[in-house]
Amino acid sequence: MQKDNLNTDSKSSEPTQNANNLDSKQLEKDKIIERHLRFQDLLISISTKYINSDLSDIDKLIRESLQQIGEFVQSDRSYIFSYDFVNNTCSNTYEWCASDIEPEIDNLQNIPLDYITHWLESHKKGEAFYVEDVSLLEEDGEFGLRAILEPQGIKSLITIPKIKNNELIGFIGFDSVKKLNSYSENEQDILFVYANMLVNVIQKKEYEARIKAQEKKKEELLNSLSIQNEELNEYAHVVSHDLKAPLINIHTLVSWFMSDNKDVLDKTAFKPLEQVLFNVEKMDFLIKGILDYSTIDKLEQEDKLVDFNLIINEILQTMLIPEHIKISIQDDLPSVFGNTWRFKQVFQNLIQNAVKYCDKDSGFVEVGFVEKDENYEFFVKDNGMGINTNYFDKIFKVFTKLESTGSSSGIGLSIVKKIVSYYKGTIWVESKEGVGSTFYFTIFKND
């Protein structure tokens, strides 16, 4: 009978134990929910401070928020790093440490990215890098992840990427030194929100600092620009008038000498003289290019309605077009209000380049346009040697040439870009090596 009573008591206690277990689980869930709510409230409080505070105190606000978040997630060190992908390094820019925790910010400047490939790979994917227990990492050498973290006393860490305009710019991180620490998915999501907040507030500070700097320098920049423009204009004319005359004399004297001595000297003796003439022509092109470039925005001639059909026809009449190259001009090109000389410079330089860099037995150059809502989009297309994509931005810079064997000045495309920019347009190139290039530029329609 006693045995039966024991069994009965055991069975009757099972519902009570189950109920206690359920209550315990529910209590644990409630604690987790309550913690997440407090975390969200903290984030809202920090965000409100960022919005309402003077951003001149941004450094102080960021350090305070690092402490608040760090203390809440029970980390011992919280920090912000910036990536420098130009130099392939990263640097610690902000840091908070709990009491008795040694700061590491001075030791973490210009760290090679090769040392942190693990979390860099995660950050590039927009993911957190999380190590719950550093001691469980494999020992992967002197410069391995474990070898970097353990000397800092780190037991656990999590790093969250900072992304601005879809570009990875850095990360925030939280180290646990005194004990292991874990982060739930919800906590990681909140840390991502905090990282985005930091990006926004730092970006806002950068904008405001830039605006203040621009306002401060505006007056002296205007004064300096006026002086520089005047000096550049004077310099260009000095170069044009004072240097062209000696070049003409050199060219004339050398040509006369070669003509007078063509029956006395052999071809080998003429080679240095031909090189002199080549370089004189090259210098002449350079001088003309500098003068043209410097006077683009200083022309005093009045603007008028310019018929692009007429100016291109005039350009082609003065150009020497090889027989193996066909020039095709679209019918009914538009008329645009502006300066005839400027527009001629644009088409002349683009067409000359297309002809000059044609390496095909049968070449073509096509000039045309497409009418858009607010502007005309012109193009000059060829089937020449093409341009490597690495040079797309460089070719529009002054004195940039893709090859140095010719006598060109390297200013032609710079002149084109400056004129297009003068008329508030844009210019770009699409090209494939061995296939050809197409230069596009836009000019606003007449009002």
Protein backbone atom coordinates (compact mmCIF):
# COMPACT_ATOMS: atom_id res chain seq x y z
CA MET A 1 0.00 0.00 0.00
CA GLN A 2 2.85 2.36 0.79
CA LYS A 3 4.31 1.68 -2.66
CA ASP A 4 1.01 2.59 -4.30
CA ASN A 5 0.88 5.83 -2.31
CA LEU A 6 4.39 6.78 -3.41
CA ASN A 7 3.48 6.29 -7.06
CA THR A 8 0.37 8.35 -6.63
CA ASP A 9 2.31 11.20 -5.00
CA SER A 10 4.90 11.13 -7.79
CA LYS A 11 2.25 11.35 -10.49
CA SER A 12 0.41 14.14 -8.73
CA SER A 13 3.59 16.24 -8.50
CA GLU A 14 4.29 16.10 -12.27
CA PRO A 15 1.69 18.76 -13.30
CA THR A 16 3.12 21.10 -10.64
CA GLN A 17 6.69 20.65 -11.94
CA ASN A 18 5.55 21.20 -15.54
CA ALA A 19 3.72 24.33 -14.51
CA ASN A 20 6.80 25.60 -12.72
CA ASN A 21 8.91 24.93 -15.82
CA LEU A 22 6.46 26.81 -18.02
CA ASP A 23 6.40 29.72 -15.59
CA SER A 24 10.20 29.78 -15.58
CA LYS A 25 10.39 29.80 -19.40
CA GLN A 26 7.77 32.52 -19.63
CA LEU A 27 9.65 34.57 -17.05
CA GLU A 28 12.83 34.18 -19.08
CA LYS A 29 11.04 35.26 -22.26
CA ASP A 30 9.61 38.27 -20.47
CA LYS A 31 13.08 39.26 -19.31
CA ILE A 32 14.44 39.00 -22.85
CA ILE A 33 11.58 41.09 -24.24
CA GLU A 34 11.99 43.66 -21.48
CA ARG A 35 15.74 43.88 -22.18
CA HIS A 36 15.14 44.39 -25.90
CA LEU A 37 12.63 47.13 -25.18
CA ARG A 38 15.11 48.90 -22.90
CA PHE A 39 17.78 48.57 -25.60
CA GLN A 40 15.46 50.16 -28.15
CA ASP A 41 14.59 52.96 -25.71
CA LEU A 42 18.31 53.63 -25.19
CA LEU A 43 18.82 53.86 -28.94
CA ILE A 44 15.90 56.30 -29.28
CA SER A 45 17.38 58.41 -26.48
CA ILE A 46 20.78 58.52 -28.19
CA SER A 47 19.16 59.36 -31.53
CA THR A 48 17.22 62.22 -29.94
CA LYS A 49 20.45 63.64 -28.50
CA TYR A 50 22.11 63.47 -31.91
CA ILE A 51 19.21 65.35 -33.50
CA ASN A 52 18.83 68.07 -30.86
CA SER A 53 22.47 68.69 -29.91
CA ASP A 54 24.96 71.06 -31.45
CA LEU A 55 27.02 68.96 -33.82
CA SER A 56 30.14 70.86 -32.81
CA ASP A 57 30.05 68.51 -29.79
CA ILE A 58 29.75 65.42 -31.99
CA ASP A 59 32.93 63.80 -30.68
CA LYS A 60 31.66 64.02 -27.11
CA LEU A 61 28.23 62.67 -28.11
CA ILE A 62 29.77 59.70 -29.93
CA ARG A 63 31.97 58.78 -26.96
CA GLU A 64 29.00 59.05 -24.59
CA SER A 65 26.90 56.82 -26.83
CA LEU A 66 29.75 54.28 -27.10
CA GLN A 67 29.80 54.12 -23.31
CA GLN A 68 26.01 53.80 -23.04
CA ILE A 69 25.80 51.03 -25.63
CA GLY A 70 28.93 49.32 -24.30
CA GLU A 71 27.64 49.27 -20.74
CA PHE A 72 24.23 48.04 -21.84
CA VAL A 73 25.58 45.04 -23.77
CA GLN A 74 28.08 44.46 -20.93
CA SER A 75 31.17 44.85 -23.09
CA ASP A 76 34.44 46.18 -21.68
CA ARG A 77 35.55 48.16 -24.68
CA SER A 78 33.56 49.76 -27.51
CA TYR A 79 35.09 51.52 -30.47
CA ILE A 80 34.77 52.88 -33.99
CA PHE A 81 37.16 52.16 -36.85
CA SER A 82 37.49 53.78 -40.27
CA TYR A 83 38.56 51.84 -43.35
CA ASP A 84 41.13 53.33 -45.73
CA PHE A 85 40.97 51.24 -48.90
CA VAL A 86 43.43 53.52 -50.69
CA ASN A 87 46.23 52.57 -48.29
CA ASN A 88 44.64 49.22 -47.31
CA THR A 89 44.57 50.07 -43.62
CA CYS A 90 42.07 50.78 -40.87
CA SER A 91 42.35 53.03 -37.82
CA ASN A 92 40.65 53.32 -34.45
CA THR A 93 38.95 56.76 -34.31
CA TYR A 94 36.84 56.53 -31.12
CA GLU A 95 37.10 54.29 -28.06
CA TRP A 96 35.42 53.79 -24.70
CA CYS A 97 36.86 51.48 -22.05
CA ALA A 98 35.35 50.23 -18.81
CA SER A 99 37.27 50.81 -15.57
CA ASP A 100 40.49 48.77 -15.23
CA ILE A 101 40.52 48.11 -19.00
CA GLU A 102 43.55 49.33 -20.89
CA PRO A 103 42.82 51.58 -23.91
CA GLU A 104 44.04 50.26 -27.26
CA ILE A 105 43.29 53.21 -29.54
CA ASP A 106 46.92 54.36 -29.77
CA ASN A 107 48.03 50.86 -30.76
CA LEU A 108 45.37 50.49 -33.43
CA GLN A 109 46.30 53.08 -36.03
CA ASN A 110 46.95 52.24 -39.69
CA ILE A 111 46.44 48.53 -39.13
CA PRO A 112 47.00 46.60 -42.42
CA LEU A 113 43.76 45.09 -43.69
CA ASP A 114 45.61 41.82 -44.22
CA TYR A 115 45.49 41.38 -40.43
CA ILE A 116 41.68 41.48 -40.30
CA THR A 117 40.65 39.62 -43.43
CA HIS A 118 38.10 37.59 -41.43
CA TRP A 119 35.84 40.45 -40.45
CA LEU A 120 36.61 42.50 -43.57
CA GLU A 121 35.05 39.72 -45.66
CA SER A 122 31.96 39.78 -43.44
CA HIS A 123 31.72 43.59 -43.53
CA LYS A 124 31.95 43.68 -47.32
CA LYS A 125 28.88 41.45 -47.36
CA GLY A 126 27.12 43.82 -44.94
CA GLU A 127 27.28 41.24 -42.16
CA ALA A 128 28.45 41.37 -38.54
CA PHE A 129 31.64 39.57 -37.54
CA TYR A 130 30.99 37.77 -34.25
CA VAL A 131 33.34 35.65 -32.12
CA GLU A 132 31.67 34.39 -28.97
CA ASP A 133 34.80 32.66 -27.61
CA VAL A 134 38.23 33.76 -28.87
CA SER A 135 39.91 30.80 -27.18
CA LEU A 136 38.10 28.46 -29.57
CA LEU A 137 39.63 30.11 -32.64
CA GLU A 138 42.26 28.06 -34.45
CA GLU A 139 45.87 29.06 -33.94
CA ASP A 140 46.68 30.40 -37.40
CA GLY A 141 50.10 31.95 -36.95
CA GLU A 142 51.73 35.11 -35.65
CA PHE A 143 49.44 37.39 -37.62
CA GLY A 144 46.30 35.28 -37.32
CA LEU A 145 43.08 36.52 -35.76
CA ARG A 146 43.61 34.74 -32.47
CA ALA A 147 47.17 36.06 -32.19
CA ILE A 148 45.85 39.62 -32.63
CA LEU A 149 42.93 39.37 -30.19
CA GLU A 150 44.38 37.42 -27.27
CA PRO A 151 47.20 39.92 -26.43
CA GLN A 152 44.45 42.51 -25.97
CA GLY A 153 42.77 40.20 -23.48
CA ILE A 154 39.68 39.83 -25.65
CA LYS A 155 37.43 36.88 -24.83
CA SER A 156 34.46 37.79 -27.06
CA LEU A 157 33.85 40.42 -29.69
CA ILE A 158 31.38 41.60 -32.28
CA THR A 159 31.97 44.13 -35.07
CA ILE A 160 29.25 45.78 -37.16
CA PRO A 161 29.97 47.37 -40.57
CA LYS A 162 29.37 51.07 -41.19
CA ILE A 163 28.01 51.64 -44.68
CA LYS A 164 27.49 55.05 -46.32
CA ASN A 165 25.81 55.27 -49.73
CA ASN A 166 26.36 51.53 -50.29
CA GLU A 167 30.06 51.97 -49.55
CA LEU A 168 31.84 50.29 -46.63
CA ILE A 169 33.57 53.03 -44.62
CA GLY A 170 34.33 51.39 -41.26
CA PHE A 171 32.84 49.48 -38.37
CA ILE A 172 31.84 49.65 -34.72
CA GLY A 173 32.99 46.97 -32.32
CA PHE A 174 32.48 45.65 -28.80
CA ASP A 175 35.13 43.66 -26.89
CA SER A 176 34.51 41.60 -23.80
CA VAL A 177 37.64 41.20 -21.70
CA LYS A 178 36.45 40.14 -18.24
CA LYS A 179 34.08 37.41 -19.35
CA LEU A 180 32.53 35.75 -22.38
CA ASN A 181 29.62 37.61 -23.91
CA SER A 182 26.89 36.62 -26.34
CA TYR A 183 24.62 38.68 -28.59
CA SER A 184 21.18 37.61 -29.71
CA GLU A 185 19.98 38.25 -33.24
CA ASN A 186 17.73 41.02 -31.96
CA GLU A 187 20.65 42.72 -30.21
CA GLN A 188 22.75 42.45 -33.36
CA ASP A 189 19.94 44.09 -35.34
CA ILE A 190 19.84 46.98 -32.85
CA LEU A 191 23.62 47.39 -33.13
CA PHE A 192 23.21 47.68 -36.90
CA VAL A 193 20.72 50.49 -36.32
CA TYR A 194 23.24 52.19 -34.04
CA ALA A 195 25.94 51.88 -36.72
CA ASN A 196 23.62 53.55 -39.24
CA MET A 197 22.92 56.34 -36.76
CA LEU A 198 26.65 56.97 -36.40
CA VAL A 199 27.08 57.09 -40.17
CA ASN A 200 24.27 59.63 -40.50
CA VAL A 201 25.44 61.92 -37.73
CA ILE A 202 29.08 61.86 -38.86
CA GLN A 203 27.97 62.52 -42.43
CA LYS A 204 25.86 65.44 -41.23
CA LYS A 205 28.85 66.83 -39.35
CA GLU A 206 31.02 66.49 -42.45
CA TYR A 207 28.45 68.39 -44.52
CA GLU A 208 28.16 71.18 -41.97
CA ALA A 209 31.94 71.45 -41.61
CA ARG A 210 32.28 71.59 -45.37
CA ILE A 211 29.66 74.32 -45.65
CA LYS A 212 31.31 76.40 -42.92
CA ALA A 213 34.72 75.99 -44.54
CA GLN A 214 33.29 77.01 -47.89
CA GLU A 215 31.63 80.08 -46.42
CA LYS A 216 34.84 81.05 -44.65
CA LYS A 217 36.94 80.77 -47.78
CA LYS A 218 34.39 82.08 -50.23
CA GLU A 219 35.54 85.68 -50.24
CA GLU A 220 39.26 84.97 -50.42
CA LEU A 221 38.66 82.33 -53.10
CA LEU A 222 36.78 84.84 -55.21
CA ASN A 223 39.55 87.39 -54.81
CA SER A 224 42.21 84.80 -55.54
CA LEU A 225 40.30 83.51 -58.56
CA SER A 226 40.05 86.99 -60.02
CA ILE A 227 43.80 87.54 -59.65
CA GLN A 228 44.67 84.10 -61.02
CA ASN A 229 42.41 84.54 -64.03
CA GLU A 230 44.05 87.85 -64.85
CA GLU A 231 47.53 86.39 -64.43
CA LEU A 232 46.68 83.31 -66.48
CA ASN A 233 45.31 85.44 -69.28
CA GLU A 234 48.44 87.59 -69.32
CA TYR A 235 50.69 84.53 -69.15
CA ALA A 236 48.90 82.81 -72.03
CA HIS A 237 49.33 85.82 -74.30
CA VAL A 238 52.97 86.22 -73.30
CA VAL A 239 53.57 82.57 -74.15
CA SER A 240 51.73 82.92 -77.44
CA HIS A 241 53.43 86.09 -78.67
CA ASP A 242 56.89 85.85 -77.12
CA LEU A 243 57.58 82.17 -77.71
CA LYS A 244 55.95 81.64 -81.08
CA ALA A 245 58.28 84.11 -82.82
CA PRO A 246 61.52 82.27 -81.86
CA LEU A 247 59.94 78.95 -82.81
CA ILE A 248 59.07 80.27 -86.25
CA ASN A 249 62.64 81.50 -86.66
CA ILE A 250 64.08 78.15 -85.60
CA HIS A 251 61.78 76.28 -87.95
CA THR A 252 62.63 78.62 -90.85
CA LEU A 253 66.41 78.50 -90.32
CA VAL A 254 66.52 74.71 -89.99
CA SER A 255 64.32 74.28 -93.07
CA TRP A 256 66.59 76.62 -95.07
CA PHE A 257 69.72 74.78 -93.93
CA MET A 258 68.23 71.42 -94.90
CA SER A 259 67.14 72.74 -98.28
CA ASP A 260 70.54 74.38 -99.02
CA ASN A 261 72.48 71.26 -98.01
CA LYS A 262 70.26 68.45 -99.32
CA ASP A 263 72.86 67.56 -101.96
CA VAL A 264 75.81 67.70 -99.54
CA LEU A 265 74.57 65.86 -96.46
CA ASP A 266 73.28 62.29 -96.32
CA LYS A 267 70.01 61.12 -94.72
CA THR A 268 71.72 60.26 -91.43
CA ALA A 269 72.86 63.87 -90.99
CA PHE A 270 69.29 65.10 -91.56
CA LYS A 271 67.73 62.95 -88.81
CA PRO A 272 68.70 65.25 -85.90
CA LEU A 273 67.43 68.24 -87.88
CA GLU A 274 64.14 66.48 -88.61
CA GLN A 275 63.84 65.79 -84.88
CA VAL A 276 64.35 69.51 -84.22
CA LEU A 277 61.54 70.39 -86.63
CA PHE A 278 59.31 67.75 -85.04
CA ASN A 279 59.84 69.20 -81.56
CA VAL A 280 59.36 72.77 -82.81
CA GLU A 281 55.97 71.75 -84.23
CA LYS A 282 55.15 69.96 -81.01
CA MET A 283 55.98 73.10 -79.00
CA ASP A 284 53.89 75.20 -81.37
CA PHE A 285 50.88 72.91 -80.80
CA LEU A 286 51.45 73.13 -77.05
CA ILE A 287 51.56 76.93 -77.08
CA LYS A 288 48.40 77.13 -79.16
CA GLY A 289 46.68 74.64 -76.84
CA ILE A 290 47.61 76.64 -73.73
CA LEU A 291 46.30 79.85 -75.31
CA ASP A 292 43.07 78.19 -76.43
CA TYR A 293 42.53 76.55 -73.03
CA SER A 294 43.13 79.75 -71.09
CA THR A 295 40.84 81.90 -73.24
CA ILE A 296 37.82 79.57 -73.36
CA ASP A 297 35.89 81.49 -70.68
CA LYS A 298 37.31 84.93 -71.53
CA LEU A 299 36.06 85.43 -75.07
CA GLU A 300 34.50 88.84 -75.60
CA GLN A 301 32.73 87.91 -78.83
CA GLU A 302 28.94 87.99 -78.46
CA ASP A 303 26.99 84.74 -78.43
CA LYS A 304 24.58 83.96 -81.23
CA LEU A 305 22.55 81.11 -82.64
CA VAL A 306 25.13 78.70 -84.08
CA ASP A 307 24.18 76.22 -86.80
CA PHE A 308 26.16 73.05 -86.05
CA ASN A 309 25.72 71.85 -89.65
CA LEU A 310 27.65 74.89 -90.90
CA ILE A 311 30.47 74.78 -88.36
CA ILE A 312 31.14 71.06 -88.90
CA ASN A 313 31.16 71.60 -92.66
CA GLU A 314 33.71 74.40 -92.18
CA ILE A 315 35.83 72.15 -89.94
CA LEU A 316 35.91 69.33 -92.49
CA GLN A 317 36.91 71.74 -95.26
CA THR A 318 40.04 72.75 -93.34
CA MET A 319 41.01 69.23 -92.19
CA LEU A 320 43.16 66.73 -94.07
CA ILE A 321 41.12 63.51 -94.05
CA PRO A 322 42.97 60.35 -95.20
CA GLU A 323 41.31 58.49 -98.08
CA HIS A 324 40.77 55.34 -96.02
CA ILE A 325 38.62 57.17 -93.43
CA LYS A 326 34.97 58.01 -94.11
CA ILE A 327 33.31 60.88 -92.22
CA SER A 328 29.55 60.56 -91.69
CA ILE A 329 27.56 63.56 -90.39
CA GLN A 330 23.94 63.18 -89.27
CA ASP A 331 21.48 65.35 -91.20
CA ASP A 332 19.72 68.30 -89.57
CA LEU A 333 22.00 68.92 -86.61
CA PRO A 334 20.45 71.51 -84.25
CA SER A 335 21.35 75.17 -83.82
CA VAL A 336 22.43 76.19 -80.33
CA PHE A 337 22.92 79.64 -78.80
CA GLY A 338 26.56 80.20 -77.92
CA ASN A 339 30.00 81.06 -79.24
CA THR A 340 31.02 79.79 -82.68
CA TRP A 341 34.71 79.44 -81.82
CA ARG A 342 33.97 77.37 -78.69
CA PHE A 343 31.67 74.96 -80.51
CA LYS A 344 34.17 74.61 -83.36
CA GLN A 345 36.88 73.72 -80.85
CA VAL A 346 34.73 70.92 -79.43
CA PHE A 347 33.95 69.20 -82.75
CA GLN A 348 37.37 69.91 -84.27
CA ASN A 349 39.28 68.30 -81.40
CA LEU A 350 36.98 65.27 -81.21
CA ILE A 351 37.00 64.64 -84.98
CA GLN A 352 40.77 65.19 -85.24
CA ASN A 353 41.38 62.69 -82.43
CA ALA A 354 39.09 60.14 -84.10
CA VAL A 355 41.00 60.50 -87.38
CA LYS A 356 44.43 60.54 -85.75
CA TYR A 357 43.94 57.37 -83.70
CA CYS A 358 42.38 55.29 -86.46
CA ASP A 359 44.41 52.09 -86.89
CA LYS A 360 42.08 50.31 -89.34
CA ASP A 361 42.50 49.91 -93.11
CA SER A 362 38.93 51.13 -93.46
CA GLY A 363 38.09 53.72 -90.83
CA PHE A 364 34.98 55.73 -90.13
CA VAL A 365 34.01 58.69 -87.95
CA GLU A 366 30.33 59.32 -87.26
CA VAL A 367 28.94 62.57 -85.82
CA GLY A 368 25.36 62.79 -84.63
CA PHE A 369 22.99 63.67 -81.83
CA VAL A 370 19.90 62.57 -79.90
CA GLU A 371 17.35 65.09 -78.69
CA LYS A 372 16.50 64.80 -74.98
CA ASP A 373 13.91 66.66 -72.89
CA GLU A 374 16.24 69.42 -71.72
CA ASN A 375 19.37 69.04 -73.83
CA TYR A 376 20.97 67.67 -76.96
CA GLU A 377 23.24 64.65 -76.56
CA PHE A 378 25.93 64.74 -79.25
CA PHE A 379 28.34 61.95 -80.09
CA VAL A 380 31.51 61.44 -82.13
CA LYS A 381 32.04 57.76 -82.84
CA ASP A 382 34.99 55.97 -84.46
CA ASN A 383 36.35 52.47 -85.05
CA GLY A 384 39.90 53.35 -84.01
CA MET A 385 42.28 51.76 -81.53
CA GLY A 386 40.04 52.41 -78.51
CA ILE A 387 40.90 53.44 -74.97
CA ASN A 388 41.58 51.34 -71.88
CA THR A 389 38.90 51.89 -69.22
CA ASN A 390 41.60 52.87 -66.71
CA TYR A 391 42.19 56.07 -68.71
CA PHE A 392 38.56 57.23 -69.08
CA ASP A 393 38.92 59.93 -66.40
CA LYS A 394 42.56 60.80 -67.10
CA ILE A 395 42.18 61.66 -70.79
CA PHE A 396 40.24 64.84 -69.98
CA LYS A 397 43.07 66.22 -67.83
CA VAL A 398 45.48 68.81 -69.18
CA PHE A 399 48.65 67.45 -70.87
CA THR A 400 47.43 63.84 -70.68
CA LYS A 401 48.29 61.73 -73.74
CA LEU A 402 47.91 57.98 -74.18
CA GLU A 403 50.99 57.88 -76.38
CA SER A 404 53.95 60.22 -76.71
CA THR A 405 55.06 59.58 -80.27
CA GLY A 406 52.98 62.31 -81.89
CA SER A 407 53.32 66.07 -81.86
CA SER A 408 49.95 66.74 -80.18
CA SER A 409 49.85 68.91 -77.07
CA GLY A 410 47.69 66.67 -74.89
CA ILE A 411 45.33 69.60 -74.29
CA GLY A 412 42.64 68.87 -76.93
CA LEU A 413 40.25 66.85 -74.78
CA SER A 414 40.84 69.22 -71.84
CA ILE A 415 39.66 72.08 -74.06
CA VAL A 416 36.60 70.07 -75.06
CA LYS A 417 35.72 69.29 -71.45
CA LYS A 418 36.24 72.89 -70.35
CA ILE A 419 33.95 74.20 -73.10
CA VAL A 420 31.24 71.61 -72.41
CA SER A 421 31.46 72.43 -68.68
CA TYR A 422 31.28 76.15 -69.52
CA TYR A 423 27.87 75.47 -71.08
CA LYS A 424 26.82 73.40 -68.02
CA GLY A 425 26.97 70.16 -69.98
CA THR A 426 28.65 66.84 -69.30
CA ILE A 427 31.08 64.75 -71.33
CA TRP A 428 32.02 61.09 -71.12
CA VAL A 429 33.48 58.31 -73.24
CA GLU A 430 32.57 54.72 -73.99
CA SER A 431 35.32 52.67 -75.56
CA LYS A 432 36.72 49.21 -76.13
CA GLU A 433 40.33 48.60 -77.06
CA GLY A 434 40.72 47.43 -80.64
CA VAL A 435 37.08 48.25 -81.46
CA GLY A 436 36.70 52.02 -81.17
CA SER A 437 35.47 54.90 -79.03
CA THR A 438 32.40 57.10 -78.73
CA PHE A 439 32.62 60.49 -77.05
CA TYR A 440 29.32 61.87 -75.77
CA PHE A 441 28.57 65.38 -74.57
CA THR A 442 25.44 67.35 -73.73
CA ILE A 443 24.48 70.95 -74.46
CA PHE A 444 21.33 72.48 -73.00
CA LYS A 445 18.64 73.54 -75.43
CA ASN A 446 17.93 77.23 -76.00
CA ASP A 447 15.46 78.76 -73.54
